[in-house]
Amino acid sequence: MSRAAAFEDALQSFLATLQLERGLADHTLMGYEGDLRQFIAFLVAQNVADWQAVQGEHLSDWIGSLSDEEYAVSSLARKLTAVRGLAKHLVSERWRQDVFSELVRGPRLSRKLPGALSPDEVDRLLRAPDETTPQGLRDRAMLELMYSSGLRVSELCNVSLQAIDLESGLLRVTGKGSKERVVPLGKPAIEALERYLEVARPKLVKPRTGSELFLSQWGRALSRKTFWVMIKKTALLAGIEKPVKPHLLRHSFATHLLEGGADLRAIQEMLGHADIATTQIYTFVRGQSLTAAHDKHHPRNQT
């Protein structure tokens, strides 16, 4: 048996737990597995026999070696999170008695504030698609829905016909970890969806089309990659100079709601954040906006 094989059973047990109990997506699981196998390769190179022999110093040395290779701080933090999760799993499943990662400190992450479009830029973006074509009507409906409800791009592309209720103005969304939430639809989004469903979607339907709401020209669910390309092209048509990515509309949704006086807890629920701390980052964005307004308009700043 190779040295790496001594680590395999616990690794597979941990990955199975992530998949079955936490419902992580396949690409997230692959990321965890890649990081953990990289750590295992380091342990093998250090002649560590098995999980029982792993110490906090091994983890610190590994993170240090990756820092020397100029990994981004965010990548190092992600890798450390994966190992910490595994270390706790080893204890819960009685592979060892202590959490070896407990005293290892991670790299400091600088808080990166999310950007946002201005209301005028959002309006220009939403009006840019060519609504004389089925694809243009679809694109307008997708953009309106994303900005109206703060959806993630994966959630937007996975919306089914059964999940949307235009009469009540509500949408049932399946988010991270297969958690469901209900979000409201604004009037402009409802109207754009009605036009798309009545005029455009029937023209995009093919013999094997399923219940996906938004369809490609081949009658299949529109992919995230296609939506990324679309939103970039639409931003150029709208004359928006800043880089526009799908998540920017989600950030704009949250920022504009907060500026309009919405409750932070309500925004948290609509965004599908498990922790209010994740939503609180938008209060920093709001603070920056207030500071800019103060600098621009306060009479004592005009001298």
C-alpha atoms as a PDB file:
ATOM      1  CA  MET A   1       0.000   0.000   0.000  1.00  0.00           C
ATOM      2  CA  SER A   2       1.349   3.435  -0.959  1.00  0.00           C
ATOM      3  CA  ARG A   3       1.693   6.138   1.646  1.00  0.00           C
ATOM      4  CA  ALA A   4      -1.018   8.209  -0.025  1.00  0.00           C
ATOM      5  CA  ALA A   5      -3.431   5.266   0.326  1.00  0.00           C
ATOM      6  CA  ALA A   6      -3.185   5.558   4.112  1.00  0.00           C
ATOM      7  CA  PHE A   7      -5.037   8.857   3.861  1.00  0.00           C
ATOM      8  CA  GLU A   8      -7.662   7.765   1.323  1.00  0.00           C
ATOM      9  CA  ASP A   9     -10.437   6.236   3.478  1.00  0.00           C
ATOM     10  CA  ALA A  10     -10.820   9.320   5.666  1.00  0.00           C
ATOM     11  CA  LEU A  11     -10.703  11.599   2.628  1.00  0.00           C
ATOM     12  CA  GLN A  12     -13.479   9.681   0.865  1.00  0.00           C
ATOM     13  CA  SER A  13     -15.543   9.632   4.057  1.00  0.00           C
ATOM     14  CA  PHE A  14     -15.239  13.413   4.377  1.00  0.00           C
ATOM     15  CA  LEU A  15     -16.147  14.042   0.730  1.00  0.00           C
ATOM     16  CA  ALA A  16     -19.189  11.772   1.048  1.00  0.00           C
ATOM     17  CA  THR A  17     -20.298  13.711   4.123  1.00  0.00           C
ATOM     18  CA  LEU A  18     -19.986  17.008   2.265  1.00  0.00           C
ATOM     19  CA  GLN A  19     -22.073  15.659  -0.593  1.00  0.00           C
ATOM     20  CA  LEU A  20     -24.782  13.877   1.377  1.00  0.00           C
ATOM     21  CA  GLU A  21     -25.219  16.088   4.450  1.00  0.00           C
ATOM     22  CA  ARG A  22     -24.303  19.528   3.144  1.00  0.00           C
ATOM     23  CA  GLY A  23     -25.448  19.062  -0.443  1.00  0.00           C
ATOM     24  CA  LEU A  24     -22.413  20.738  -2.000  1.00  0.00           C
ATOM     25  CA  ALA A  25     -22.357  21.088  -5.777  1.00  0.00           C
ATOM     26  CA  ASP A  26     -20.077  18.826  -7.819  1.00  0.00           C
ATOM     27  CA  HIS A  27     -17.670  21.621  -8.772  1.00  0.00           C
ATOM     28  CA  THR A  28     -17.349  22.649  -5.102  1.00  0.00           C
ATOM     29  CA  LEU A  29     -16.618  19.054  -4.104  1.00  0.00           C
ATOM     30  CA  MET A  30     -13.966  18.851  -6.798  1.00  0.00           C
ATOM     31  CA  GLY A  31     -12.356  21.977  -5.385  1.00  0.00           C
ATOM     32  CA  TYR A  32     -12.289  20.494  -1.870  1.00  0.00           C
ATOM     33  CA  GLU A  33     -10.847  17.236  -3.154  1.00  0.00           C
ATOM     34  CA  GLY A  34      -8.146  18.991  -5.166  1.00  0.00           C
ATOM     35  CA  ASP A  35      -7.029  21.061  -2.175  1.00  0.00           C
ATOM     36  CA  LEU A  36      -6.994  18.065   0.169  1.00  0.00           C
ATOM     37  CA  ARG A  37      -5.077  15.854  -2.240  1.00  0.00           C
ATOM     38  CA  GLN A  38      -2.525  18.634  -2.575  1.00  0.00           C
ATOM     39  CA  PHE A  39      -2.149  18.627   1.223  1.00  0.00           C
ATOM     40  CA  ILE A  40      -1.862  14.819   1.261  1.00  0.00           C
ATOM     41  CA  ALA A  41       0.890  14.972  -1.374  1.00  0.00           C
ATOM     42  CA  PHE A  42       2.762  17.404   0.875  1.00  0.00           C
ATOM     43  CA  LEU A  43       2.355  15.079   3.868  1.00  0.00           C
ATOM     44  CA  VAL A  44       3.632  12.093   1.896  1.00  0.00           C
ATOM     45  CA  ALA A  45       6.639  14.117   0.768  1.00  0.00           C
ATOM     46  CA  GLN A  46       7.306  14.897   4.440  1.00  0.00           C
ATOM     47  CA  ASN A  47       7.194  11.162   5.279  1.00  0.00           C
ATOM     48  CA  VAL A  48       4.037  11.515   7.405  1.00  0.00           C
ATOM     49  CA  ALA A  49       2.592   8.028   7.815  1.00  0.00           C
ATOM     50  CA  ASP A  50      -1.141   8.676   8.252  1.00  0.00           C
ATOM     51  CA  TRP A  51      -3.713  11.075   9.707  1.00  0.00           C
ATOM     52  CA  GLN A  52      -2.768  10.086  13.253  1.00  0.00           C
ATOM     53  CA  ALA A  53       0.717  11.472  12.668  1.00  0.00           C
ATOM     54  CA  VAL A  54      -0.364  14.835  11.247  1.00  0.00           C
ATOM     55  CA  GLN A  55       0.449  17.857  13.406  1.00  0.00           C
ATOM     56  CA  GLY A  56      -0.455  21.518  13.202  1.00  0.00           C
ATOM     57  CA  GLU A  57       3.127  22.266  12.144  1.00  0.00           C
ATOM     58  CA  HIS A  58       2.615  20.216   8.990  1.00  0.00           C
ATOM     59  CA  LEU A  59      -0.370  22.363   8.030  1.00  0.00           C
ATOM     60  CA  SER A  60       1.490  25.599   8.844  1.00  0.00           C
ATOM     61  CA  ASP A  61       4.482  24.494   6.778  1.00  0.00           C
ATOM     62  CA  TRP A  62       2.217  23.580   3.848  1.00  0.00           C
ATOM     63  CA  ILE A  63       0.446  26.938   3.864  1.00  0.00           C
ATOM     64  CA  GLY A  64       3.827  28.628   4.150  1.00  0.00           C
ATOM     65  CA  SER A  65       5.176  26.738   1.149  1.00  0.00           C
ATOM     66  CA  LEU A  66       2.142  27.763  -0.898  1.00  0.00           C
ATOM     67  CA  SER A  67       2.648  31.393   0.129  1.00  0.00           C
ATOM     68  CA  ASP A  68       6.180  31.145  -1.257  1.00  0.00           C
ATOM     69  CA  GLU A  69       4.677  29.982  -4.544  1.00  0.00           C
ATOM     70  CA  GLU A  70       2.648  33.235  -4.592  1.00  0.00           C
ATOM     71  CA  TYR A  71      -0.817  31.724  -4.262  1.00  0.00           C
ATOM     72  CA  ALA A  72      -3.495  34.378  -3.760  1.00  0.00           C
ATOM     73  CA  VAL A  73      -4.548  34.944  -0.159  1.00  0.00           C
ATOM     74  CA  SER A  74      -8.110  33.916  -1.062  1.00  0.00           C
ATOM     75  CA  SER A  75      -6.801  30.597  -2.455  1.00  0.00           C
ATOM     76  CA  LEU A  76      -4.781  29.940   0.695  1.00  0.00           C
ATOM     77  CA  ALA A  77      -7.827  30.674   2.855  1.00  0.00           C
ATOM     78  CA  ARG A  78      -9.936  28.275   0.801  1.00  0.00           C
ATOM     79  CA  LYS A  79      -7.374  25.494   1.120  1.00  0.00           C
ATOM     80  CA  LEU A  80      -7.106  26.035   4.865  1.00  0.00           C
ATOM     81  CA  THR A  81     -10.888  25.875   5.186  1.00  0.00           C
ATOM     82  CA  ALA A  82     -10.914  22.507   3.399  1.00  0.00           C
ATOM     83  CA  VAL A  83      -8.265  21.064   5.705  1.00  0.00           C
ATOM     84  CA  ARG A  84      -9.971  22.431   8.833  1.00  0.00           C
ATOM     85  CA  GLY A  85     -13.207  20.761   7.797  1.00  0.00           C
ATOM     86  CA  LEU A  86     -11.417  17.465   7.284  1.00  0.00           C
ATOM     87  CA  ALA A  87      -9.590  17.782  10.631  1.00  0.00           C
ATOM     88  CA  LYS A  88     -12.923  18.118  12.463  1.00  0.00           C
ATOM     89  CA  HIS A  89     -14.307  15.179  10.510  1.00  0.00           C
ATOM     90  CA  LEU A  90     -11.380  13.015  11.608  1.00  0.00           C
ATOM     91  CA  VAL A  91     -12.309  13.649  15.233  1.00  0.00           C
ATOM     92  CA  SER A  92     -16.045  13.139  14.757  1.00  0.00           C
ATOM     93  CA  GLU A  93     -15.405   9.823  12.999  1.00  0.00           C
ATOM     94  CA  ARG A  94     -12.751   8.783  15.570  1.00  0.00           C
ATOM     95  CA  TRP A  95      -9.778   8.654  13.233  1.00  0.00           C
ATOM     96  CA  ARG A  96      -7.980  10.778  15.818  1.00  0.00           C
ATOM     97  CA  GLN A  97      -8.747  12.452  19.157  1.00  0.00           C
ATOM     98  CA  ASP A  98      -7.735  16.074  18.528  1.00  0.00           C
ATOM     99  CA  VAL A  99      -8.262  18.665  15.799  1.00  0.00           C
ATOM    100  CA  PHE A 100      -4.743  19.177  14.471  1.00  0.00           C
ATOM    101  CA  SER A 101      -5.664  22.426  12.667  1.00  0.00           C
ATOM    102  CA  GLU A 102      -7.030  24.135  15.778  1.00  0.00           C
ATOM    103  CA  LEU A 103      -4.055  26.417  16.471  1.00  0.00           C
ATOM    104  CA  VAL A 104      -3.143  27.181  12.859  1.00  0.00           C
ATOM    105  CA  ARG A 105      -3.896  30.760  11.893  1.00  0.00           C
ATOM    106  CA  GLY A 106      -4.955  31.565   8.377  1.00  0.00           C
ATOM    107  CA  PRO A 107      -3.807  34.386   6.094  1.00  0.00           C
ATOM    108  CA  ARG A 108      -5.535  37.703   6.633  1.00  0.00           C
ATOM    109  CA  LEU A 109      -8.098  38.413   3.962  1.00  0.00           C
ATOM    110  CA  SER A 110      -8.715  42.020   3.056  1.00  0.00           C
ATOM    111  CA  ARG A 111     -12.421  42.808   2.839  1.00  0.00           C
ATOM    112  CA  LYS A 112     -13.262  43.376  -0.795  1.00  0.00           C
ATOM    113  CA  LEU A 113     -16.392  45.415  -1.113  1.00  0.00           C
ATOM    114  CA  PRO A 114     -18.796  44.417  -3.878  1.00  0.00           C
ATOM    115  CA  GLY A 115     -19.259  46.902  -6.663  1.00  0.00           C
ATOM    116  CA  ALA A 116     -22.628  48.064  -7.937  1.00  0.00           C
ATOM    117  CA  LEU A 117     -24.114  49.727 -10.959  1.00  0.00           C
ATOM    118  CA  SER A 118     -25.864  53.037 -10.527  1.00  0.00           C
ATOM    119  CA  PRO A 119     -29.660  53.031 -11.027  1.00  0.00           C
ATOM    120  CA  ASP A 120     -29.117  54.817 -14.349  1.00  0.00           C
ATOM    121  CA  GLU A 121     -26.620  52.185 -15.497  1.00  0.00           C
ATOM    122  CA  VAL A 122     -29.023  49.408 -14.511  1.00  0.00           C
ATOM    123  CA  ASP A 123     -31.806  51.096 -16.496  1.00  0.00           C
ATOM    124  CA  ARG A 124     -29.567  51.377 -19.567  1.00  0.00           C
ATOM    125  CA  LEU A 125     -28.489  47.741 -19.226  1.00  0.00           C
ATOM    126  CA  LEU A 126     -32.058  46.461 -18.937  1.00  0.00           C
ATOM    127  CA  ARG A 127     -33.200  48.446 -21.988  1.00  0.00           C
ATOM    128  CA  ALA A 128     -30.275  47.393 -24.215  1.00  0.00           C
ATOM    129  CA  PRO A 129     -31.469  43.962 -25.532  1.00  0.00           C
ATOM    130  CA  ASP A 130     -33.157  43.949 -28.945  1.00  0.00           C
ATOM    131  CA  GLU A 131     -36.743  43.038 -28.055  1.00  0.00           C
ATOM    132  CA  THR A 132     -37.715  42.470 -31.677  1.00  0.00           C
ATOM    133  CA  THR A 133     -36.081  39.023 -31.436  1.00  0.00           C
ATOM    134  CA  PRO A 134     -36.901  36.005 -29.221  1.00  0.00           C
ATOM    135  CA  GLN A 135     -33.374  36.075 -27.812  1.00  0.00           C
ATOM    136  CA  GLY A 136     -33.667  39.761 -26.998  1.00  0.00           C
ATOM    137  CA  LEU A 137     -36.960  39.255 -25.169  1.00  0.00           C
ATOM    138  CA  ARG A 138     -35.373  36.382 -23.259  1.00  0.00           C
ATOM    139  CA  ASP A 139     -32.321  38.462 -22.353  1.00  0.00           C
ATOM    140  CA  ARG A 140     -34.468  41.349 -21.141  1.00  0.00           C
ATOM    141  CA  ALA A 141     -36.540  38.979 -18.987  1.00  0.00           C
ATOM    142  CA  MET A 142     -33.424  37.385 -17.480  1.00  0.00           C
ATOM    143  CA  LEU A 143     -31.825  40.718 -16.656  1.00  0.00           C
ATOM    144  CA  GLU A 144     -35.053  42.079 -15.173  1.00  0.00           C
ATOM    145  CA  LEU A 145     -35.496  38.950 -13.070  1.00  0.00           C
ATOM    146  CA  MET A 146     -31.921  38.961 -11.802  1.00  0.00           C
ATOM    147  CA  TYR A 147     -32.081  42.615 -10.780  1.00  0.00           C
ATOM    148  CA  SER A 148     -35.589  42.317  -9.367  1.00  0.00           C
ATOM    149  CA  SER A 149     -34.883  39.297  -7.177  1.00  0.00           C
ATOM    150  CA  GLY A 150     -31.119  39.272  -6.559  1.00  0.00           C
ATOM    151  CA  LEU A 151     -30.591  35.782  -7.960  1.00  0.00           C
ATOM    152  CA  ARG A 152     -27.225  34.103  -8.391  1.00  0.00           C
ATOM    153  CA  VAL A 153     -26.475  33.314 -12.033  1.00  0.00           C
ATOM    154  CA  SER A 154     -26.741  29.553 -11.369  1.00  0.00           C
ATOM    155  CA  GLU A 155     -30.148  30.078  -9.752  1.00  0.00           C
ATOM    156  CA  LEU A 156     -31.298  32.201 -12.680  1.00  0.00           C
ATOM    157  CA  CYS A 157     -30.307  29.603 -15.280  1.00  0.00           C
ATOM    158  CA  ASN A 158     -31.969  26.795 -13.313  1.00  0.00           C
ATOM    159  CA  VAL A 159     -35.401  28.422 -12.849  1.00  0.00           C
ATOM    160  CA  SER A 160     -38.198  26.139 -14.028  1.00  0.00           C
ATOM    161  CA  LEU A 161     -41.648  27.017 -15.305  1.00  0.00           C
ATOM    162  CA  GLN A 162     -43.184  25.431 -12.207  1.00  0.00           C
ATOM    163  CA  ALA A 163     -41.154  27.646  -9.866  1.00  0.00           C
ATOM    164  CA  ILE A 164     -42.596  30.935 -11.058  1.00  0.00           C
ATOM    165  CA  ASP A 165     -46.013  32.371 -10.166  1.00  0.00           C
ATOM    166  CA  LEU A 166     -46.629  35.572 -12.082  1.00  0.00           C
ATOM    167  CA  GLU A 167     -50.093  36.034 -10.630  1.00  0.00           C
ATOM    168  CA  SER A 168     -48.828  36.233  -7.070  1.00  0.00           C
ATOM    169  CA  GLY A 169     -45.499  37.779  -8.104  1.00  0.00           C
ATOM    170  CA  LEU A 170     -43.362  35.146  -6.382  1.00  0.00           C
ATOM    171  CA  LEU A 171     -40.518  32.852  -7.422  1.00  0.00           C
ATOM    172  CA  ARG A 172     -39.339  29.687  -5.670  1.00  0.00           C
ATOM    173  CA  VAL A 173     -35.557  29.475  -5.851  1.00  0.00           C
ATOM    174  CA  THR A 174     -33.266  26.519  -5.107  1.00  0.00           C
ATOM    175  CA  GLY A 175     -30.001  27.983  -3.853  1.00  0.00           C
ATOM    176  CA  LYS A 176     -26.742  26.762  -2.334  1.00  0.00           C
ATOM    177  CA  GLY A 177     -26.957  23.495  -0.454  1.00  0.00           C
ATOM    178  CA  SER A 178     -30.291  22.770  -2.189  1.00  0.00           C
ATOM    179  CA  LYS A 179     -31.990  25.250   0.155  1.00  0.00           C
ATOM    180  CA  GLU A 180     -35.237  26.731  -1.104  1.00  0.00           C
ATOM    181  CA  ARG A 181     -36.422  30.292  -0.620  1.00  0.00           C
ATOM    182  CA  VAL A 182     -39.247  32.394  -2.043  1.00  0.00           C
ATOM    183  CA  VAL A 183     -38.426  35.796  -3.516  1.00  0.00           C
ATOM    184  CA  PRO A 184     -40.715  38.540  -4.816  1.00  0.00           C
ATOM    185  CA  LEU A 185     -40.880  39.674  -8.420  1.00  0.00           C
ATOM    186  CA  GLY A 186     -41.134  43.363  -9.240  1.00  0.00           C
ATOM    187  CA  LYS A 187     -43.684  44.639 -11.730  1.00  0.00           C
ATOM    188  CA  PRO A 188     -41.131  45.296 -14.532  1.00  0.00           C
ATOM    189  CA  ALA A 189     -39.794  41.738 -14.142  1.00  0.00           C
ATOM    190  CA  ILE A 190     -43.316  40.283 -14.272  1.00  0.00           C
ATOM    191  CA  GLU A 191     -44.101  42.240 -17.424  1.00  0.00           C
ATOM    192  CA  ALA A 192     -40.823  41.184 -19.098  1.00  0.00           C
ATOM    193  CA  LEU A 193     -41.471  37.553 -18.179  1.00  0.00           C
ATOM    194  CA  GLU A 194     -45.016  37.710 -19.537  1.00  0.00           C
ATOM    195  CA  ARG A 195     -43.717  39.039 -22.881  1.00  0.00           C
ATOM    196  CA  TYR A 196     -41.033  36.372 -23.010  1.00  0.00           C
ATOM    197  CA  LEU A 197     -43.436  33.523 -22.171  1.00  0.00           C
ATOM    198  CA  GLU A 198     -46.088  34.698 -24.613  1.00  0.00           C
ATOM    199  CA  VAL A 199     -43.930  35.681 -27.580  1.00  0.00           C
ATOM    200  CA  ALA A 200     -40.371  34.370 -27.323  1.00  0.00           C
ATOM    201  CA  ARG A 201     -40.216  31.062 -25.460  1.00  0.00           C
ATOM    202  CA  PRO A 202     -42.636  29.235 -27.832  1.00  0.00           C
ATOM    203  CA  LYS A 203     -40.234  30.069 -30.675  1.00  0.00           C
ATOM    204  CA  LEU A 204     -37.267  28.622 -28.768  1.00  0.00           C
ATOM    205  CA  VAL A 205     -38.984  25.355 -27.814  1.00  0.00           C
ATOM    206  CA  LYS A 206     -37.664  22.201 -29.520  1.00  0.00           C
ATOM    207  CA  PRO A 207     -38.980  18.577 -29.425  1.00  0.00           C
ATOM    208  CA  ARG A 208     -36.805  17.648 -26.436  1.00  0.00           C
ATOM    209  CA  THR A 209     -37.228  20.880 -24.480  1.00  0.00           C
ATOM    210  CA  GLY A 210     -37.926  20.388 -20.778  1.00  0.00           C
ATOM    211  CA  SER A 211     -39.445  22.665 -18.149  1.00  0.00           C
ATOM    212  CA  GLU A 212     -36.568  25.150 -17.997  1.00  0.00           C
ATOM    213  CA  LEU A 213     -37.778  28.739 -18.073  1.00  0.00           C
ATOM    214  CA  PHE A 214     -34.956  30.291 -20.075  1.00  0.00           C
ATOM    215  CA  LEU A 215     -34.006  28.492 -23.292  1.00  0.00           C
ATOM    216  CA  SER A 216     -31.078  28.664 -25.671  1.00  0.00           C
ATOM    217  CA  GLN A 217     -31.526  28.709 -29.436  1.00  0.00           C
ATOM    218  CA  TRP A 218     -31.284  24.891 -29.286  1.00  0.00           C
ATOM    219  CA  GLY A 219     -34.198  24.620 -26.877  1.00  0.00           C
ATOM    220  CA  ARG A 220     -32.088  23.668 -23.853  1.00  0.00           C
ATOM    221  CA  ALA A 221     -31.557  25.467 -20.558  1.00  0.00           C
ATOM    222  CA  LEU A 222     -29.405  28.539 -21.083  1.00  0.00           C
ATOM    223  CA  SER A 223     -25.944  27.945 -19.612  1.00  0.00           C
ATOM    224  CA  ARG A 224     -24.153  30.223 -17.161  1.00  0.00           C
ATOM    225  CA  LYS A 225     -21.366  30.713 -19.696  1.00  0.00           C
ATOM    226  CA  THR A 226     -23.821  31.918 -22.342  1.00  0.00           C
ATOM    227  CA  PHE A 227     -25.373  34.329 -19.853  1.00  0.00           C
ATOM    228  CA  TRP A 228     -21.915  35.692 -18.965  1.00  0.00           C
ATOM    229  CA  VAL A 229     -21.221  36.390 -22.642  1.00  0.00           C
ATOM    230  CA  MET A 230     -24.649  37.952 -23.098  1.00  0.00           C
ATOM    231  CA  ILE A 231     -24.402  40.343 -20.183  1.00  0.00           C
ATOM    232  CA  LYS A 232     -20.967  41.576 -21.284  1.00  0.00           C
ATOM    233  CA  LYS A 233     -22.228  42.251 -24.805  1.00  0.00           C
ATOM    234  CA  THR A 234     -25.339  43.960 -23.451  1.00  0.00           C
ATOM    235  CA  ALA A 235     -23.245  46.187 -21.190  1.00  0.00           C
ATOM    236  CA  LEU A 236     -21.214  47.310 -24.212  1.00  0.00           C
ATOM    237  CA  LEU A 237     -24.419  48.108 -26.107  1.00  0.00           C
ATOM    238  CA  ALA A 238     -25.604  50.106 -23.090  1.00  0.00           C
ATOM    239  CA  GLY A 239     -22.389  52.140 -23.086  1.00  0.00           C
ATOM    240  CA  ILE A 240     -21.353  51.022 -19.603  1.00  0.00           C
ATOM    241  CA  GLU A 241     -17.594  51.356 -19.265  1.00  0.00           C
ATOM    242  CA  LYS A 242     -17.027  49.409 -16.035  1.00  0.00           C
ATOM    243  CA  PRO A 243     -16.655  45.615 -16.312  1.00  0.00           C
ATOM    244  CA  VAL A 244     -20.106  44.058 -15.912  1.00  0.00           C
ATOM    245  CA  LYS A 245     -20.372  40.488 -14.633  1.00  0.00           C
ATOM    246  CA  PRO A 246     -23.586  38.663 -13.653  1.00  0.00           C
ATOM    247  CA  HIS A 247     -22.870  39.009  -9.926  1.00  0.00           C
ATOM    248  CA  LEU A 248     -22.773  42.788 -10.344  1.00  0.00           C
ATOM    249  CA  LEU A 249     -26.558  42.835 -10.859  1.00  0.00           C
ATOM    250  CA  ARG A 250     -27.021  40.840  -7.627  1.00  0.00           C
ATOM    251  CA  HIS A 251     -24.798  43.316  -5.780  1.00  0.00           C
ATOM    252  CA  SER A 252     -26.710  46.215  -7.323  1.00  0.00           C
ATOM    253  CA  PHE A 253     -30.012  44.669  -6.207  1.00  0.00           C
ATOM    254  CA  ALA A 254     -28.818  44.461  -2.590  1.00  0.00           C
ATOM    255  CA  THR A 255     -27.125  47.869  -2.553  1.00  0.00           C
ATOM    256  CA  HIS A 256     -30.115  49.703  -4.039  1.00  0.00           C
ATOM    257  CA  LEU A 257     -32.534  47.985  -1.635  1.00  0.00           C
ATOM    258  CA  LEU A 258     -30.388  49.028   1.319  1.00  0.00           C
ATOM    259  CA  GLU A 259     -30.122  52.597   0.038  1.00  0.00           C
ATOM    260  CA  GLY A 260     -33.896  52.613  -0.314  1.00  0.00           C
ATOM    261  CA  GLY A 261     -34.311  51.732   3.373  1.00  0.00           C
ATOM    262  CA  ALA A 262     -34.903  47.963   3.191  1.00  0.00           C
ATOM    263  CA  ASP A 263     -34.272  45.905   6.327  1.00  0.00           C
ATOM    264  CA  LEU A 264     -30.974  44.001   6.314  1.00  0.00           C
ATOM    265  CA  ARG A 265     -32.677  40.791   7.462  1.00  0.00           C
ATOM    266  CA  ALA A 266     -35.118  40.980   4.562  1.00  0.00           C
ATOM    267  CA  ILE A 267     -32.230  41.452   2.119  1.00  0.00           C
ATOM    268  CA  GLN A 268     -30.450  38.480   3.706  1.00  0.00           C
ATOM    269  CA  GLU A 269     -33.511  36.300   3.145  1.00  0.00           C
ATOM    270  CA  MET A 270     -33.952  37.392  -0.454  1.00  0.00           C
ATOM    271  CA  LEU A 271     -30.259  36.828  -1.262  1.00  0.00           C
ATOM    272  CA  GLY A 272     -30.274  33.420   0.411  1.00  0.00           C
ATOM    273  CA  HIS A 273     -27.350  34.187   2.723  1.00  0.00           C
ATOM    274  CA  ALA A 274     -27.036  31.677   5.566  1.00  0.00           C
ATOM    275  CA  ASP A 275     -25.228  34.230   7.760  1.00  0.00           C
ATOM    276  CA  ILE A 276     -26.249  37.858   8.289  1.00  0.00           C
ATOM    277  CA  ALA A 277     -22.534  38.734   8.382  1.00  0.00           C
ATOM    278  CA  THR A 278     -22.350  38.015   4.643  1.00  0.00           C
ATOM    279  CA  THR A 279     -25.147  40.497   3.987  1.00  0.00           C
ATOM    280  CA  GLN A 280     -23.629  43.143   6.255  1.00  0.00           C
ATOM    281  CA  ILE A 281     -20.888  43.833   3.742  1.00  0.00           C
ATOM    282  CA  TYR A 282     -23.464  45.939   1.875  1.00  0.00           C
ATOM    283  CA  THR A 283     -23.602  48.303   4.841  1.00  0.00           C
ATOM    284  CA  PHE A 284     -19.955  49.126   4.096  1.00  0.00           C
ATOM    285  CA  VAL A 285     -20.912  49.923   0.503  1.00  0.00           C
ATOM    286  CA  ARG A 286     -23.690  52.147   1.834  1.00  0.00           C
ATOM    287  CA  GLY A 287     -21.167  53.816   4.139  1.00  0.00           C
ATOM    288  CA  GLN A 288     -18.892  54.574   1.212  1.00  0.00           C
ATOM    289  CA  SER A 289     -21.825  56.111  -0.660  1.00  0.00           C
ATOM    290  CA  LEU A 290     -22.718  58.305   2.309  1.00  0.00           C
ATOM    291  CA  THR A 291     -19.093  59.420   2.690  1.00  0.00           C
ATOM    292  CA  ALA A 292     -18.908  60.366  -0.983  1.00  0.00           C
ATOM    293  CA  ALA A 293     -22.159  62.331  -0.687  1.00  0.00           C
ATOM    294  CA  HIS A 294     -20.873  64.112   2.418  1.00  0.00           C
ATOM    295  CA  ASP A 295     -17.580  65.001   0.721  1.00  0.00           C
ATOM    296  CA  LYS A 296     -19.404  66.355  -2.308  1.00  0.00           C
ATOM    297  CA  HIS A 297     -22.231  68.306  -0.702  1.00  0.00           C
ATOM    298  CA  HIS A 298     -21.273  69.411   2.826  1.00  0.00           C
ATOM    299  CA  PRO A 299     -20.501  73.130   2.780  1.00  0.00           C
ATOM    300  CA  ARG A 300     -17.408  72.713   4.965  1.00  0.00           C
ATOM    301  CA  ASN A 301     -15.920  70.430   2.291  1.00  0.00           C
ATOM    302  CA  GLN A 302     -16.274  73.006  -0.472  1.00  0.00           C
ATOM    303  CA  THR A 303     -13.368  75.213   0.577  1.00  0.00           C
END
